[in-house]
Amino acid sequence: MKHLKSILSVIISLLALSACAQPAATSAATATTTQSAATMIQVKLPVGYVPDIQFAPLYVAIDKGFYQAQGLDVSIDYSMENDNTVLVGTGNLDFAVVSGEQVLLARAQQLPVVYVMSWYHQYPVGIVTKTSSNIRTVADLRGKKIGLPGLYGTSYIGAIALLDSAGLSQKDVTLDSIGYNQVAALVADKEDAVVIYTANEPLQLTQQGIDYTLFKTSDAVDLVANGLITNEKTLQENPELVKKMVAATLEGIQYASDHPDEAFEISKKYVTNLATTDQHLQMQVLLNSIDQWKTNAPGYTDPQAWENMQNILLKMGLLTQPLDLSAAYSNNYLPQ
């Protein structure tokens, strides 16, 4: 979710690499549906973050054999999101988990990535203030100092979209890049407000006895959150692989949502410090995340959310012209 403005240099390097290098063992899967059913297709799935309870559906899908049942041997990679988008776009990987803005920014640089499955159906970002600040609405943030990890990624996009919903722009506030120290900064009154992930940091504030007011981006505007991407070549040459990956991942999301206690225990095998952290807090993070996954249409991505995302990127100057949004996503690979 980092380094939006460095994406072009990464793209150039990886395009050169993909043009001259031979495919490595961990490169994109080239298996077709004519392969023997006994042959497992190796898939490396980057998720753009460290091992975390939020990835419980993936751990469940691996542990319960949902991927294996589809003939897939999936391993999770925890490298950064922008680089993963480029790797998928250049054909070095088949899949990655990224958020919607990454897809549009990549396609603006002629990288043919395609979003094929929605995971989060609520954009997971918000702005939180202390109740004692008397900030009662988003509009009250005018002139305030707002801490956030940096001017990049999902937090940045979500914050600007939320401000925009109240008629504010980045010029109307002071955005303070503070890294991932939002809770400590707010508690210490170093910031008037901070940008947070709504499933996590509010719980930490409650744990510290802080009364807060939370403004969720998802309450103001529908944006495209994290989901599964692939590339146009894989869609053309191996659509069945995409369908299998989507089906197994959705099965993991559904199972984790229906069986959170079991999903939590399974996740301990993959998140090394989960068993030694605050169990109640981490379980609540999982339950909050499940609320953001829930939908009546699993995997479906809403065209209006793409329009909204493009509009905010244009306003921010991160896109210079509108894109063909119909090429950026597809709902055609969801289970029927």
C-alpha atoms as a PDB file:
ATOM      1  CA  MET A   1       0.000   0.000   0.000  1.00  0.00           C
ATOM      2  CA  LYS A   2       3.068   2.182  -0.152  1.00  0.00           C
ATOM      3  CA  HIS A   3       4.887   4.432  -2.549  1.00  0.00           C
ATOM      4  CA  LEU A   4       2.141   5.428  -5.006  1.00  0.00           C
ATOM      5  CA  LYS A   5       4.398   8.000  -6.576  1.00  0.00           C
ATOM      6  CA  SER A   6       7.258   5.501  -7.118  1.00  0.00           C
ATOM      7  CA  ILE A   7       5.170   3.065  -9.110  1.00  0.00           C
ATOM      8  CA  LEU A   8       6.455   4.282 -12.501  1.00  0.00           C
ATOM      9  CA  SER A   9      10.098   3.526 -11.710  1.00  0.00           C
ATOM     10  CA  VAL A  10       9.187   0.083 -10.435  1.00  0.00           C
ATOM     11  CA  ILE A  11       7.172  -0.559 -13.592  1.00  0.00           C
ATOM     12  CA  ILE A  12      10.070   0.349 -15.888  1.00  0.00           C
ATOM     13  CA  SER A  13      12.476  -1.927 -14.021  1.00  0.00           C
ATOM     14  CA  LEU A  14      10.128  -4.875 -14.003  1.00  0.00           C
ATOM     15  CA  LEU A  15       9.124  -4.457 -17.634  1.00  0.00           C
ATOM     16  CA  ALA A  16      12.802  -4.676 -18.554  1.00  0.00           C
ATOM     17  CA  LEU A  17      13.246  -7.689 -16.326  1.00  0.00           C
ATOM     18  CA  SER A  18      10.259  -9.510 -17.766  1.00  0.00           C
ATOM     19  CA  ALA A  19      11.424  -8.841 -21.316  1.00  0.00           C
ATOM     20  CA  CYS A  20      14.823 -10.467 -20.918  1.00  0.00           C
ATOM     21  CA  ALA A  21      14.609 -12.927 -18.049  1.00  0.00           C
ATOM     22  CA  GLN A  22      13.632 -16.570 -18.235  1.00  0.00           C
ATOM     23  CA  PRO A  23      10.617 -17.521 -16.072  1.00  0.00           C
ATOM     24  CA  ALA A  24      11.617 -18.628 -12.585  1.00  0.00           C
ATOM     25  CA  ALA A  25      10.127 -21.518 -10.668  1.00  0.00           C
ATOM     26  CA  THR A  26       7.964 -19.064  -8.747  1.00  0.00           C
ATOM     27  CA  SER A  27       6.775 -17.235 -11.862  1.00  0.00           C
ATOM     28  CA  ALA A  28       3.174 -17.187 -13.013  1.00  0.00           C
ATOM     29  CA  ALA A  29       1.500 -20.553 -13.322  1.00  0.00           C
ATOM     30  CA  THR A  30       1.320 -21.838 -16.892  1.00  0.00           C
ATOM     31  CA  ALA A  31      -0.811 -24.861 -16.221  1.00  0.00           C
ATOM     32  CA  THR A  32      -3.906 -25.422 -18.359  1.00  0.00           C
ATOM     33  CA  THR A  33      -7.078 -27.290 -17.685  1.00  0.00           C
ATOM     34  CA  THR A  34      -5.743 -30.203 -19.764  1.00  0.00           C
ATOM     35  CA  GLN A  35      -3.145 -31.014 -17.117  1.00  0.00           C
ATOM     36  CA  SER A  36      -3.451 -34.156 -15.066  1.00  0.00           C
ATOM     37  CA  ALA A  37      -5.769 -33.693 -12.105  1.00  0.00           C
ATOM     38  CA  ALA A  38      -2.953 -35.041  -9.921  1.00  0.00           C
ATOM     39  CA  THR A  39      -0.706 -32.095 -10.820  1.00  0.00           C
ATOM     40  CA  MET A  40      -0.914 -29.282  -8.305  1.00  0.00           C
ATOM     41  CA  ILE A  41      -0.553 -25.790  -9.740  1.00  0.00           C
ATOM     42  CA  GLN A  42       1.890 -23.684  -7.721  1.00  0.00           C
ATOM     43  CA  VAL A  43       0.487 -20.223  -6.937  1.00  0.00           C
ATOM     44  CA  LYS A  44       2.299 -17.519  -4.976  1.00  0.00           C
ATOM     45  CA  LEU A  45      -0.221 -15.034  -3.569  1.00  0.00           C
ATOM     46  CA  PRO A  46       1.155 -11.675  -2.360  1.00  0.00           C
ATOM     47  CA  VAL A  47      -1.058  -9.843   0.124  1.00  0.00           C
ATOM     48  CA  GLY A  48       0.843  -6.586   0.693  1.00  0.00           C
ATOM     49  CA  TYR A  49       1.205  -6.812   4.475  1.00  0.00           C
ATOM     50  CA  VAL A  50       2.719  -8.837   7.307  1.00  0.00           C
ATOM     51  CA  PRO A  51       1.090 -12.048   8.636  1.00  0.00           C
ATOM     52  CA  ASP A  52      -2.108 -10.911  10.305  1.00  0.00           C
ATOM     53  CA  ILE A  53      -5.501 -12.128  11.493  1.00  0.00           C
ATOM     54  CA  GLN A  54      -7.138 -10.180   8.650  1.00  0.00           C
ATOM     55  CA  PHE A  55      -5.867 -12.883   6.288  1.00  0.00           C
ATOM     56  CA  ALA A  56      -7.736 -15.618   8.169  1.00  0.00           C
ATOM     57  CA  PRO A  57      -9.764 -16.611   5.058  1.00  0.00           C
ATOM     58  CA  LEU A  58      -6.550 -17.422   3.187  1.00  0.00           C
ATOM     59  CA  TYR A  59      -5.185 -19.437   6.085  1.00  0.00           C
ATOM     60  CA  VAL A  60      -8.500 -21.269   6.287  1.00  0.00           C
ATOM     61  CA  ALA A  61      -8.558 -21.948   2.540  1.00  0.00           C
ATOM     62  CA  ILE A  62      -5.080 -23.468   2.768  1.00  0.00           C
ATOM     63  CA  ASP A  63      -5.635 -25.376   6.006  1.00  0.00           C
ATOM     64  CA  LYS A  64      -9.074 -26.753   5.117  1.00  0.00           C
ATOM     65  CA  GLY A  65      -7.914 -27.853   1.671  1.00  0.00           C
ATOM     66  CA  PHE A  66     -10.136 -25.513  -0.351  1.00  0.00           C
ATOM     67  CA  TYR A  67      -7.266 -24.561  -2.655  1.00  0.00           C
ATOM     68  CA  GLN A  68      -6.052 -28.138  -2.831  1.00  0.00           C
ATOM     69  CA  ALA A  69      -9.513 -29.297  -3.902  1.00  0.00           C
ATOM     70  CA  GLN A  70      -9.174 -26.936  -6.872  1.00  0.00           C
ATOM     71  CA  GLY A  71      -5.747 -28.354  -7.727  1.00  0.00           C
ATOM     72  CA  LEU A  72      -3.897 -25.336  -6.333  1.00  0.00           C
ATOM     73  CA  ASP A  73      -0.881 -25.248  -4.026  1.00  0.00           C
ATOM     74  CA  VAL A  74      -1.049 -21.688  -2.695  1.00  0.00           C
ATOM     75  CA  SER A  75       1.705 -19.988  -0.703  1.00  0.00           C
ATOM     76  CA  ILE A  76       1.239 -16.516   0.783  1.00  0.00           C
ATOM     77  CA  ASP A  77       3.808 -13.801   0.171  1.00  0.00           C
ATOM     78  CA  TYR A  78       3.909 -10.724   2.406  1.00  0.00           C
ATOM     79  CA  SER A  79       5.712  -8.206   0.189  1.00  0.00           C
ATOM     80  CA  MET A  80       4.436  -4.700  -0.578  1.00  0.00           C
ATOM     81  CA  GLU A  81       1.286  -4.012  -2.590  1.00  0.00           C
ATOM     82  CA  ASN A  82       2.528  -1.690  -5.358  1.00  0.00           C
ATOM     83  CA  ASP A  83       5.367  -4.006  -6.310  1.00  0.00           C
ATOM     84  CA  ASN A  84       2.932  -6.923  -6.417  1.00  0.00           C
ATOM     85  CA  THR A  85       0.603  -5.050  -8.746  1.00  0.00           C
ATOM     86  CA  VAL A  86       3.510  -4.494 -11.120  1.00  0.00           C
ATOM     87  CA  LEU A  87       4.569  -8.146 -10.927  1.00  0.00           C
ATOM     88  CA  VAL A  88       1.069  -9.269 -11.863  1.00  0.00           C
ATOM     89  CA  GLY A  89       0.839  -6.674 -14.616  1.00  0.00           C
ATOM     90  CA  THR A  90       4.126  -7.788 -16.179  1.00  0.00           C
ATOM     91  CA  GLY A  91       3.139 -11.463 -16.027  1.00  0.00           C
ATOM     92  CA  ASN A  92       5.656 -12.447 -13.360  1.00  0.00           C
ATOM     93  CA  LEU A  93       2.800 -13.452 -11.065  1.00  0.00           C
ATOM     94  CA  ASP A  94      -0.742 -14.590 -11.783  1.00  0.00           C
ATOM     95  CA  PHE A  95      -2.463 -13.176  -8.692  1.00  0.00           C
ATOM     96  CA  ALA A  96      -2.205 -10.691  -5.845  1.00  0.00           C
ATOM     97  CA  VAL A  97      -4.470  -9.152  -3.219  1.00  0.00           C
ATOM     98  CA  VAL A  98      -4.602  -5.370  -3.713  1.00  0.00           C
ATOM     99  CA  SER A  99      -7.028  -2.484  -3.346  1.00  0.00           C
ATOM    100  CA  GLY A 100      -8.921  -0.827  -6.160  1.00  0.00           C
ATOM    101  CA  GLU A 101      -6.811   2.307  -6.502  1.00  0.00           C
ATOM    102  CA  GLN A 102      -3.769   0.153  -7.256  1.00  0.00           C
ATOM    103  CA  VAL A 103      -5.564  -1.361 -10.245  1.00  0.00           C
ATOM    104  CA  LEU A 104      -6.397   2.015 -11.756  1.00  0.00           C
ATOM    105  CA  LEU A 105      -2.957   3.476 -11.105  1.00  0.00           C
ATOM    106  CA  ALA A 106      -1.346   0.444 -12.724  1.00  0.00           C
ATOM    107  CA  ARG A 107      -3.632   0.506 -15.760  1.00  0.00           C
ATOM    108  CA  ALA A 108      -2.824   4.196 -16.207  1.00  0.00           C
ATOM    109  CA  GLN A 109       0.769   3.014 -16.672  1.00  0.00           C
ATOM    110  CA  GLN A 110      -0.300   0.445 -19.296  1.00  0.00           C
ATOM    111  CA  LEU A 111      -0.124  -2.514 -16.915  1.00  0.00           C
ATOM    112  CA  PRO A 112      -3.009  -4.867 -17.860  1.00  0.00           C
ATOM    113  CA  VAL A 113      -4.117  -5.914 -14.379  1.00  0.00           C
ATOM    114  CA  VAL A 114      -7.744  -6.911 -13.831  1.00  0.00           C
ATOM    115  CA  TYR A 115      -9.688  -7.080 -10.552  1.00  0.00           C
ATOM    116  CA  VAL A 116     -11.665 -10.342 -10.546  1.00  0.00           C
ATOM    117  CA  MET A 117     -12.990 -10.753  -7.003  1.00  0.00           C
ATOM    118  CA  SER A 118     -13.993  -8.356  -4.261  1.00  0.00           C
ATOM    119  CA  TRP A 119     -13.010  -9.386  -0.736  1.00  0.00           C
ATOM    120  CA  TYR A 120     -13.712  -6.317   1.405  1.00  0.00           C
ATOM    121  CA  HIS A 121     -17.101  -4.803   0.664  1.00  0.00           C
ATOM    122  CA  GLN A 122     -16.475  -1.803   2.907  1.00  0.00           C
ATOM    123  CA  TYR A 123     -13.470   0.431   2.376  1.00  0.00           C
ATOM    124  CA  PRO A 124     -11.661  -0.221   5.682  1.00  0.00           C
ATOM    125  CA  VAL A 125     -10.371   3.293   6.402  1.00  0.00           C
ATOM    126  CA  GLY A 126     -11.656   6.070   8.634  1.00  0.00           C
ATOM    127  CA  ILE A 127     -10.642   9.192  10.531  1.00  0.00           C
ATOM    128  CA  VAL A 128     -10.894   9.138  14.319  1.00  0.00           C
ATOM    129  CA  THR A 129     -10.781  11.972  16.853  1.00  0.00           C
ATOM    130  CA  LYS A 130     -11.074  12.206  20.599  1.00  0.00           C
ATOM    131  CA  THR A 131     -14.613  12.993  21.697  1.00  0.00           C
ATOM    132  CA  SER A 132     -13.171  15.792  23.825  1.00  0.00           C
ATOM    133  CA  SER A 133     -11.973  17.563  20.659  1.00  0.00           C
ATOM    134  CA  ASN A 134     -15.546  18.650  19.866  1.00  0.00           C
ATOM    135  CA  ILE A 135     -15.063  17.553  16.260  1.00  0.00           C
ATOM    136  CA  ARG A 136     -18.566  16.330  15.507  1.00  0.00           C
ATOM    137  CA  THR A 137     -18.604  16.101  11.704  1.00  0.00           C
ATOM    138  CA  VAL A 138     -16.099  15.574   8.923  1.00  0.00           C
ATOM    139  CA  ALA A 139     -16.531  19.244   8.003  1.00  0.00           C
ATOM    140  CA  ASP A 140     -15.228  20.150  11.474  1.00  0.00           C
ATOM    141  CA  LEU A 141     -11.818  18.809  10.420  1.00  0.00           C
ATOM    142  CA  ARG A 142     -11.166  21.985   8.427  1.00  0.00           C
ATOM    143  CA  GLY A 143      -7.925  23.535   9.649  1.00  0.00           C
ATOM    144  CA  LYS A 144      -7.038  20.503  11.784  1.00  0.00           C
ATOM    145  CA  LYS A 145      -3.860  18.414  11.807  1.00  0.00           C
ATOM    146  CA  ILE A 146      -4.505  14.826  10.751  1.00  0.00           C
ATOM    147  CA  GLY A 147      -1.900  12.113  11.253  1.00  0.00           C
ATOM    148  CA  LEU A 148      -1.602   9.234   8.787  1.00  0.00           C
ATOM    149  CA  PRO A 149       1.069   6.703   7.772  1.00  0.00           C
ATOM    150  CA  GLY A 150       2.052   8.764   4.731  1.00  0.00           C
ATOM    151  CA  LEU A 151       0.825  10.341   1.522  1.00  0.00           C
ATOM    152  CA  TYR A 152       0.361   7.000  -0.208  1.00  0.00           C
ATOM    153  CA  GLY A 153      -1.793   3.913  -0.219  1.00  0.00           C
ATOM    154  CA  THR A 154      -5.227   3.025   1.039  1.00  0.00           C
ATOM    155  CA  SER A 155      -5.113   5.245   4.141  1.00  0.00           C
ATOM    156  CA  TYR A 156      -4.295   8.313   2.059  1.00  0.00           C
ATOM    157  CA  ILE A 157      -6.947   7.583  -0.576  1.00  0.00           C
ATOM    158  CA  GLY A 158      -9.583   6.846   2.051  1.00  0.00           C
ATOM    159  CA  ALA A 159      -8.826  10.015   3.992  1.00  0.00           C
ATOM    160  CA  ILE A 160      -9.029  12.266   0.935  1.00  0.00           C
ATOM    161  CA  ALA A 161     -12.266  10.596  -0.199  1.00  0.00           C
ATOM    162  CA  LEU A 162     -13.787  11.142   3.236  1.00  0.00           C
ATOM    163  CA  LEU A 163     -12.735  14.794   3.314  1.00  0.00           C
ATOM    164  CA  ASP A 164     -14.060  15.253  -0.219  1.00  0.00           C
ATOM    165  CA  SER A 165     -17.472  13.960   0.870  1.00  0.00           C
ATOM    166  CA  ALA A 166     -17.699  16.973   3.198  1.00  0.00           C
ATOM    167  CA  GLY A 167     -16.518  19.477   0.610  1.00  0.00           C
ATOM    168  CA  LEU A 168     -12.954  19.576   1.923  1.00  0.00           C
ATOM    169  CA  SER A 169      -9.696  19.057   0.052  1.00  0.00           C
ATOM    170  CA  GLN A 170      -6.166  18.306   1.171  1.00  0.00           C
ATOM    171  CA  LYS A 171      -5.503  22.065   1.221  1.00  0.00           C
ATOM    172  CA  ASP A 172      -8.122  22.525   3.938  1.00  0.00           C
ATOM    173  CA  VAL A 173      -6.254  20.371   6.481  1.00  0.00           C
ATOM    174  CA  THR A 174      -2.688  19.592   7.499  1.00  0.00           C
ATOM    175  CA  LEU A 175      -1.784  15.993   6.696  1.00  0.00           C
ATOM    176  CA  ASP A 176       1.039  14.826   8.958  1.00  0.00           C
ATOM    177  CA  SER A 177       3.002  11.727   7.899  1.00  0.00           C
ATOM    178  CA  ILE A 178       3.677   9.870  11.151  1.00  0.00           C
ATOM    179  CA  GLY A 179       4.103   6.241  10.109  1.00  0.00           C
ATOM    180  CA  TYR A 180       2.028   3.593  11.818  1.00  0.00           C
ATOM    181  CA  ASN A 181       1.839   5.420  15.155  1.00  0.00           C
ATOM    182  CA  GLN A 182      -1.656   6.805  14.856  1.00  0.00           C
ATOM    183  CA  VAL A 183      -3.053   5.559  18.159  1.00  0.00           C
ATOM    184  CA  ALA A 184      -0.099   6.752  20.231  1.00  0.00           C
ATOM    185  CA  ALA A 185      -0.123  10.126  18.469  1.00  0.00           C
ATOM    186  CA  LEU A 186      -3.823  10.679  19.132  1.00  0.00           C
ATOM    187  CA  VAL A 187      -3.618   9.553  22.746  1.00  0.00           C
ATOM    188  CA  ALA A 188      -0.725  11.964  23.322  1.00  0.00           C
ATOM    189  CA  ASP A 189      -2.656  14.819  21.646  1.00  0.00           C
ATOM    190  CA  LYS A 190       0.028  15.229  18.995  1.00  0.00           C
ATOM    191  CA  GLU A 191      -2.695  15.161  16.321  1.00  0.00           C
ATOM    192  CA  ASP A 192      -6.247  16.489  16.181  1.00  0.00           C
ATOM    193  CA  ALA A 193      -7.295  13.348  14.330  1.00  0.00           C
ATOM    194  CA  VAL A 194      -5.679  10.291  12.765  1.00  0.00           C
ATOM    195  CA  VAL A 195      -6.407   8.054   9.789  1.00  0.00           C
ATOM    196  CA  ILE A 196      -6.912   4.447  10.847  1.00  0.00           C
ATOM    197  CA  TYR A 197      -8.115   1.028   9.756  1.00  0.00           C
ATOM    198  CA  THR A 198     -11.584   0.750  11.189  1.00  0.00           C
ATOM    199  CA  ALA A 199     -11.303  -2.915  12.196  1.00  0.00           C
ATOM    200  CA  ASN A 200      -8.268  -2.354  14.369  1.00  0.00           C
ATOM    201  CA  GLU A 201      -7.228   0.983  15.868  1.00  0.00           C
ATOM    202  CA  PRO A 202     -10.611   1.926  17.402  1.00  0.00           C
ATOM    203  CA  LEU A 203     -10.313  -1.227  19.505  1.00  0.00           C
ATOM    204  CA  GLN A 204      -6.916  -0.075  20.729  1.00  0.00           C
ATOM    205  CA  LEU A 205      -8.374   3.286  21.720  1.00  0.00           C
ATOM    206  CA  THR A 206     -11.167   1.588  23.646  1.00  0.00           C
ATOM    207  CA  GLN A 207      -8.612  -0.627  25.357  1.00  0.00           C
ATOM    208  CA  GLN A 208      -6.796   2.516  26.543  1.00  0.00           C
ATOM    209  CA  GLY A 209      -9.996   4.096  27.821  1.00  0.00           C
ATOM    210  CA  ILE A 210     -10.162   6.789  25.138  1.00  0.00           C
ATOM    211  CA  ASP A 211     -13.587   8.064  24.093  1.00  0.00           C
ATOM    212  CA  TYR A 212     -13.520   8.711  20.366  1.00  0.00           C
ATOM    213  CA  THR A 213     -15.574   9.784  17.372  1.00  0.00           C
ATOM    214  CA  LEU A 214     -15.085   7.704  14.235  1.00  0.00           C
ATOM    215  CA  PHE A 215     -15.850   8.812  10.685  1.00  0.00           C
ATOM    216  CA  LYS A 216     -15.836   5.889   8.250  1.00  0.00           C
ATOM    217  CA  THR A 217     -15.024   6.417   4.597  1.00  0.00           C
ATOM    218  CA  SER A 218     -17.485   3.643   3.748  1.00  0.00           C
ATOM    219  CA  ASP A 219     -20.320   5.630   5.346  1.00  0.00           C
ATOM    220  CA  ALA A 220     -19.604   8.539   3.002  1.00  0.00           C
ATOM    221  CA  VAL A 221     -18.679   6.939  -0.321  1.00  0.00           C
ATOM    222  CA  ASP A 222     -18.462   3.450  -1.802  1.00  0.00           C
ATOM    223  CA  LEU A 223     -14.907   2.703  -2.973  1.00  0.00           C
ATOM    224  CA  VAL A 224     -13.234  -0.459  -4.252  1.00  0.00           C
ATOM    225  CA  ALA A 225     -11.379  -2.114  -1.382  1.00  0.00           C
ATOM    226  CA  ASN A 226      -9.103  -5.164  -1.281  1.00  0.00           C
ATOM    227  CA  GLY A 227      -9.718  -7.972  -3.707  1.00  0.00           C
ATOM    228  CA  LEU A 228      -8.034 -10.447  -6.031  1.00  0.00           C
ATOM    229  CA  ILE A 229      -6.317  -9.306  -9.221  1.00  0.00           C
ATOM    230  CA  THR A 230      -4.850 -11.136 -12.183  1.00  0.00           C
ATOM    231  CA  ASN A 231      -3.738  -9.989 -15.645  1.00  0.00           C
ATOM    232  CA  GLU A 232      -5.269 -10.010 -19.105  1.00  0.00           C
ATOM    233  CA  LYS A 233      -2.925 -12.728 -20.376  1.00  0.00           C
ATOM    234  CA  THR A 234      -3.940 -15.157 -17.639  1.00  0.00           C
ATOM    235  CA  LEU A 235      -7.612 -14.394 -18.262  1.00  0.00           C
ATOM    236  CA  GLN A 236      -7.174 -15.113 -21.961  1.00  0.00           C
ATOM    237  CA  GLU A 237      -4.969 -18.192 -21.698  1.00  0.00           C
ATOM    238  CA  ASN A 238      -6.163 -19.831 -18.496  1.00  0.00           C
ATOM    239  CA  PRO A 239      -9.589 -18.589 -17.377  1.00  0.00           C
ATOM    240  CA  GLU A 240     -10.236 -21.834 -15.494  1.00  0.00           C
ATOM    241  CA  LEU A 241      -7.247 -21.143 -13.256  1.00  0.00           C
ATOM    242  CA  VAL A 242      -8.774 -17.782 -12.363  1.00  0.00           C
ATOM    243  CA  LYS A 243     -12.161 -19.342 -11.642  1.00  0.00           C
ATOM    244  CA  LYS A 244     -10.554 -21.952  -9.379  1.00  0.00           C
ATOM    245  CA  MET A 245      -8.573 -19.353  -7.470  1.00  0.00           C
ATOM    246  CA  VAL A 246     -11.641 -17.159  -7.014  1.00  0.00           C
ATOM    247  CA  ALA A 247     -13.860 -20.062  -5.937  1.00  0.00           C
ATOM    248  CA  ALA A 248     -11.436 -21.377  -3.315  1.00  0.00           C
ATOM    249  CA  THR A 249     -10.724 -17.908  -1.919  1.00  0.00           C
ATOM    250  CA  LEU A 250     -14.422 -17.117  -1.599  1.00  0.00           C
ATOM    251  CA  GLU A 251     -14.915 -20.466   0.133  1.00  0.00           C
ATOM    252  CA  GLY A 252     -12.242 -19.455   2.644  1.00  0.00           C
ATOM    253  CA  ILE A 253     -13.916 -16.093   3.246  1.00  0.00           C
ATOM    254  CA  GLN A 254     -17.299 -17.717   3.783  1.00  0.00           C
ATOM    255  CA  TYR A 255     -15.961 -20.410   6.107  1.00  0.00           C
ATOM    256  CA  ALA A 256     -13.985 -17.929   8.199  1.00  0.00           C
ATOM    257  CA  SER A 257     -17.068 -15.704   8.439  1.00  0.00           C
ATOM    258  CA  ASP A 258     -19.267 -18.608   9.521  1.00  0.00           C
ATOM    259  CA  HIS A 259     -16.704 -20.158  11.907  1.00  0.00           C
ATOM    260  CA  PRO A 260     -14.661 -17.294  13.423  1.00  0.00           C
ATOM    261  CA  ASP A 261     -13.461 -19.293  16.443  1.00  0.00           C
ATOM    262  CA  GLU A 262     -12.068 -22.054  14.247  1.00  0.00           C
ATOM    263  CA  ALA A 263     -10.626 -19.505  11.814  1.00  0.00           C
ATOM    264  CA  PHE A 264      -8.853 -17.811  14.719  1.00  0.00           C
ATOM    265  CA  GLU A 265      -7.276 -21.083  15.847  1.00  0.00           C
ATOM    266  CA  ILE A 266      -6.186 -21.930  12.307  1.00  0.00           C
ATOM    267  CA  SER A 267      -4.624 -18.485  11.944  1.00  0.00           C
ATOM    268  CA  LYS A 268      -2.330 -19.181  14.905  1.00  0.00           C
ATOM    269  CA  LYS A 269      -0.441 -21.613  12.654  1.00  0.00           C
ATOM    270  CA  TYR A 270       0.366 -18.822  10.213  1.00  0.00           C
ATOM    271  CA  VAL A 271       0.657 -15.703  12.412  1.00  0.00           C
ATOM    272  CA  THR A 272       3.531 -16.482  14.751  1.00  0.00           C
ATOM    273  CA  ASN A 273       2.705 -13.983  17.518  1.00  0.00           C
ATOM    274  CA  LEU A 274      -1.063 -14.448  17.463  1.00  0.00           C
ATOM    275  CA  ALA A 275      -1.062 -16.993  20.287  1.00  0.00           C
ATOM    276  CA  THR A 276       0.843 -14.625  22.590  1.00  0.00           C
ATOM    277  CA  THR A 277      -1.020 -11.375  21.890  1.00  0.00           C
ATOM    278  CA  ASP A 278      -4.261 -10.143  23.449  1.00  0.00           C
ATOM    279  CA  GLN A 279      -6.640 -12.897  22.348  1.00  0.00           C
ATOM    280  CA  HIS A 280      -9.808 -10.914  22.989  1.00  0.00           C
ATOM    281  CA  LEU A 281      -8.532  -7.914  21.038  1.00  0.00           C
ATOM    282  CA  GLN A 282      -7.396  -9.971  18.055  1.00  0.00           C
ATOM    283  CA  MET A 283     -10.664 -11.913  17.969  1.00  0.00           C
ATOM    284  CA  GLN A 284     -12.541  -8.624  17.889  1.00  0.00           C
ATOM    285  CA  VAL A 285     -10.332  -7.472  14.997  1.00  0.00           C
ATOM    286  CA  LEU A 286     -11.356 -10.642  13.170  1.00  0.00           C
ATOM    287  CA  LEU A 287     -15.047 -10.078  13.913  1.00  0.00           C
ATOM    288  CA  ASN A 288     -14.818  -6.462  12.758  1.00  0.00           C
ATOM    289  CA  SER A 289     -13.093  -7.613   9.584  1.00  0.00           C
ATOM    290  CA  ILE A 290     -15.825 -10.171   8.962  1.00  0.00           C
ATOM    291  CA  ASP A 291     -18.357  -7.335   9.085  1.00  0.00           C
ATOM    292  CA  GLN A 292     -16.422  -5.666   6.266  1.00  0.00           C
ATOM    293  CA  TRP A 293     -16.394  -8.861   4.184  1.00  0.00           C
ATOM    294  CA  LYS A 294     -20.120  -9.575   4.502  1.00  0.00           C
ATOM    295  CA  THR A 295     -22.285  -9.135   1.432  1.00  0.00           C
ATOM    296  CA  ASN A 296     -25.283 -10.659  -0.299  1.00  0.00           C
ATOM    297  CA  ALA A 297     -23.174 -11.016  -3.450  1.00  0.00           C
ATOM    298  CA  PRO A 298     -19.828 -12.652  -2.541  1.00  0.00           C
ATOM    299  CA  GLY A 299     -16.983 -11.536  -4.772  1.00  0.00           C
ATOM    300  CA  TYR A 300     -19.069  -9.063  -6.766  1.00  0.00           C
ATOM    301  CA  THR A 301     -17.527  -5.667  -7.467  1.00  0.00           C
ATOM    302  CA  ASP A 302     -19.853  -2.702  -7.972  1.00  0.00           C
ATOM    303  CA  PRO A 303     -19.339  -0.555 -11.115  1.00  0.00           C
ATOM    304  CA  GLN A 304     -20.342   2.577  -9.187  1.00  0.00           C
ATOM    305  CA  ALA A 305     -17.552   1.985  -6.676  1.00  0.00           C
ATOM    306  CA  TRP A 306     -15.091   2.041  -9.590  1.00  0.00           C
ATOM    307  CA  GLU A 307     -16.547   5.307 -10.840  1.00  0.00           C
ATOM    308  CA  ASN A 308     -16.189   6.762  -7.351  1.00  0.00           C
ATOM    309  CA  MET A 309     -12.614   5.555  -7.051  1.00  0.00           C
ATOM    310  CA  GLN A 310     -11.651   6.988 -10.417  1.00  0.00           C
ATOM    311  CA  ASN A 311     -13.251  10.334  -9.559  1.00  0.00           C
ATOM    312  CA  ILE A 312     -11.265  10.720  -6.349  1.00  0.00           C
ATOM    313  CA  LEU A 313      -7.992   9.737  -8.058  1.00  0.00           C
ATOM    314  CA  LEU A 314      -8.658  12.333 -10.751  1.00  0.00           C
ATOM    315  CA  LYS A 315      -9.352  14.997  -8.115  1.00  0.00           C
ATOM    316  CA  MET A 316      -6.116  14.076  -6.349  1.00  0.00           C
ATOM    317  CA  GLY A 317      -4.154  14.304  -9.587  1.00  0.00           C
ATOM    318  CA  LEU A 318      -3.036  10.681  -9.326  1.00  0.00           C
ATOM    319  CA  LEU A 319      -4.855  10.027 -12.596  1.00  0.00           C
ATOM    320  CA  THR A 320      -4.556  12.574 -15.388  1.00  0.00           C
ATOM    321  CA  GLN A 321      -7.455  11.301 -17.488  1.00  0.00           C
ATOM    322  CA  PRO A 322     -10.357   8.837 -17.177  1.00  0.00           C
ATOM    323  CA  LEU A 323      -9.716   5.173 -17.928  1.00  0.00           C
ATOM    324  CA  ASP A 324     -11.827   2.465 -19.550  1.00  0.00           C
ATOM    325  CA  LEU A 325     -13.182   1.105 -16.287  1.00  0.00           C
ATOM    326  CA  SER A 326     -14.890  -1.839 -17.976  1.00  0.00           C
ATOM    327  CA  ALA A 327     -11.426  -3.281 -18.666  1.00  0.00           C
ATOM    328  CA  ALA A 328     -10.242  -2.821 -15.084  1.00  0.00           C
ATOM    329  CA  TYR A 329     -12.528  -5.367 -13.436  1.00  0.00           C
ATOM    330  CA  SER A 330     -14.752  -8.343 -14.183  1.00  0.00           C
ATOM    331  CA  ASN A 331     -17.482 -10.247 -12.364  1.00  0.00           C
ATOM    332  CA  ASN A 332     -17.390 -13.049 -14.941  1.00  0.00           C
ATOM    333  CA  TYR A 333     -15.125 -15.363 -12.947  1.00  0.00           C
ATOM    334  CA  LEU A 334     -17.304 -15.694  -9.870  1.00  0.00           C
ATOM    335  CA  PRO A 335     -18.942 -19.056  -9.089  1.00  0.00           C
ATOM    336  CA  GLN A 336     -22.290 -19.430 -10.828  1.00  0.00           C
END
